[in-house]
Amino acid sequence: MTNLNMKRVKQWFTKQGEFYLVNPELKQNIDFSVFDLFSTHLSAPQASIFGDFDLVVCANLLFYYKPNYQKEMIKKVDKSLAKNAYLVAGEAERDLFLHANYVEAFPQSGIFKK
């Protein structure tokens, strides 16, 4: 939120205590979906058969799996990202994506741009 100007914060978010909620007007333009990264039938969520996601968040997931599974899941994430898309990785996944030749958009952030 610190990188957004106040006009956008007031337009798209509602503050509740220490947190901000996304306003319904913005939510209706976002497709939130779940995808099984082990699925052998699909390479992307059904909501977007071909992937091309502008943003993928992968946090606190990959470190639970063995390296061979991690590599396969990273390949699926990579295939689902649109050109110039962002990947947000959790602290535990950051090094995995760095070792998979991802480059951070902002140093030490865990935010990668394709």
Protein backbone atom coordinates (compact mmCIF):
# COMPACT_ATOMS: atom_id res chain seq x y z
CA MET A 1 0.00 0.00 0.00
CA THR A 2 2.94 2.31 0.57
CA ASN A 3 3.66 2.41 -3.17
CA LEU A 4 0.12 3.46 -4.15
CA ASN A 5 -0.91 7.08 -4.29
CA MET A 6 -3.73 8.14 -1.97
CA LYS A 7 -6.17 8.63 -4.86
CA ARG A 8 -5.91 4.93 -5.77
CA VAL A 9 -5.99 3.81 -2.16
CA LYS A 10 -9.24 5.73 -1.56
CA GLN A 11 -10.73 4.58 -4.88
CA TRP A 12 -10.00 0.85 -4.64
CA PHE A 13 -9.60 0.01 -0.96
CA THR A 14 -11.41 0.36 2.37
CA LYS A 15 -9.37 0.53 5.54
CA GLN A 16 -10.48 -1.72 8.41
CA GLY A 17 -8.25 -1.31 11.42
CA GLU A 18 -4.69 -2.06 10.33
CA PHE A 19 -5.80 -3.78 7.10
CA TYR A 20 -7.16 -2.75 3.72
CA LEU A 21 -9.95 -4.56 1.91
CA VAL A 22 -10.29 -4.57 -1.88
CA ASN A 23 -13.48 -2.79 -2.93
CA PRO A 24 -16.10 -4.82 -4.85
CA GLU A 25 -15.66 -2.64 -7.97
CA LEU A 26 -12.07 -3.81 -8.25
CA LYS A 27 -12.80 -7.41 -7.24
CA GLN A 28 -15.28 -7.85 -10.10
CA ASN A 29 -12.40 -7.31 -12.54
CA ILE A 30 -10.21 -9.96 -10.92
CA ASP A 31 -10.59 -13.70 -11.36
CA PHE A 32 -9.57 -15.53 -8.20
CA SER A 33 -9.07 -19.20 -8.93
CA VAL A 34 -7.51 -22.33 -7.48
CA PHE A 35 -5.41 -24.77 -9.45
CA ASP A 36 -3.97 -28.17 -8.62
CA LEU A 37 -0.31 -27.94 -9.62
CA PHE A 38 -0.14 -31.75 -9.72
CA SER A 39 -2.93 -32.02 -12.28
CA THR A 40 -1.82 -33.99 -15.33
CA HIS A 41 -4.94 -33.02 -17.28
CA LEU A 42 -4.57 -29.24 -17.28
CA SER A 43 -1.64 -26.86 -17.60
CA ALA A 44 -3.61 -23.90 -16.21
CA PRO A 45 -6.77 -23.34 -14.14
CA GLN A 46 -10.06 -23.97 -15.94
CA ALA A 47 -11.03 -20.31 -15.56
CA SER A 48 -8.22 -19.55 -17.98
CA ILE A 49 -7.49 -22.64 -20.06
CA PHE A 50 -4.40 -21.08 -21.63
CA GLY A 51 -2.97 -19.36 -18.56
CA ASP A 52 -1.69 -15.89 -19.44
CA PHE A 53 -2.03 -14.63 -15.89
CA ASP A 54 -0.82 -11.13 -15.08
CA LEU A 55 -0.16 -12.10 -11.47
CA VAL A 56 0.58 -15.41 -9.77
CA VAL A 57 1.12 -15.65 -6.02
CA CYS A 58 3.06 -18.67 -4.81
CA ALA A 59 3.70 -18.42 -1.08
CA ASN A 60 4.37 -21.07 1.54
CA LEU A 61 3.73 -23.96 -0.81
CA LEU A 62 6.77 -25.29 -2.63
CA PHE A 63 8.96 -25.88 0.40
CA TYR A 64 6.64 -28.71 1.48
CA TYR A 65 7.63 -30.79 -1.57
CA LYS A 66 10.71 -32.65 -2.74
CA PRO A 67 12.95 -30.91 -5.33
CA ASN A 68 11.63 -32.95 -8.29
CA TYR A 69 8.05 -31.85 -7.50
CA GLN A 70 9.18 -28.27 -6.93
CA LYS A 71 10.75 -28.17 -10.40
CA GLU A 72 7.56 -29.46 -12.04
CA MET A 73 5.39 -26.94 -10.18
CA ILE A 74 7.74 -24.09 -11.13
CA LYS A 75 7.46 -25.15 -14.80
CA LYS A 76 3.65 -24.98 -14.59
CA VAL A 77 3.75 -21.58 -12.94
CA ASP A 78 6.15 -20.35 -15.63
CA LYS A 79 3.90 -21.58 -18.45
CA SER A 80 0.87 -19.88 -16.93
CA LEU A 81 2.41 -16.40 -16.72
CA ALA A 82 1.63 -13.83 -19.41
CA LYS A 83 4.38 -11.74 -20.96
CA ASN A 84 5.41 -8.96 -18.53
CA ALA A 85 3.49 -10.68 -15.72
CA TYR A 86 4.47 -10.71 -12.07
CA LEU A 87 5.13 -13.62 -9.78
CA VAL A 88 5.02 -13.01 -6.04
CA ALA A 89 6.88 -15.66 -4.09
CA GLY A 90 6.89 -16.22 -0.38
CA GLU A 91 10.11 -16.03 1.58
CA ALA A 92 10.46 -19.82 1.51
CA GLU A 93 10.01 -19.96 -2.30
CA ARG A 94 12.15 -16.95 -3.21
CA ASP A 95 15.42 -18.91 -3.45
CA LEU A 96 13.74 -21.66 -5.47
CA PHE A 97 12.67 -19.15 -8.12
CA LEU A 98 16.06 -17.45 -8.08
CA HIS A 99 17.69 -20.83 -8.74
CA ALA A 100 15.20 -21.36 -11.59
CA ASN A 101 16.65 -18.25 -13.30
CA TYR A 102 13.93 -15.82 -12.27
CA VAL A 103 15.09 -12.25 -11.69
CA GLU A 104 13.53 -10.08 -9.02
CA ALA A 105 11.82 -6.91 -10.20
CA PHE A 106 12.87 -5.26 -6.94
CA PRO A 107 15.94 -6.55 -5.06
CA GLN A 108 15.21 -8.77 -2.04
CA SER A 109 11.43 -8.49 -2.66
CA GLY A 110 10.35 -11.93 -3.83
CA ILE A 111 8.53 -10.14 -6.68
CA PHE A 112 9.59 -11.38 -10.09
CA LYS A 113 8.73 -10.06 -13.54
CA LYS A 114 8.59 -12.38 -16.54
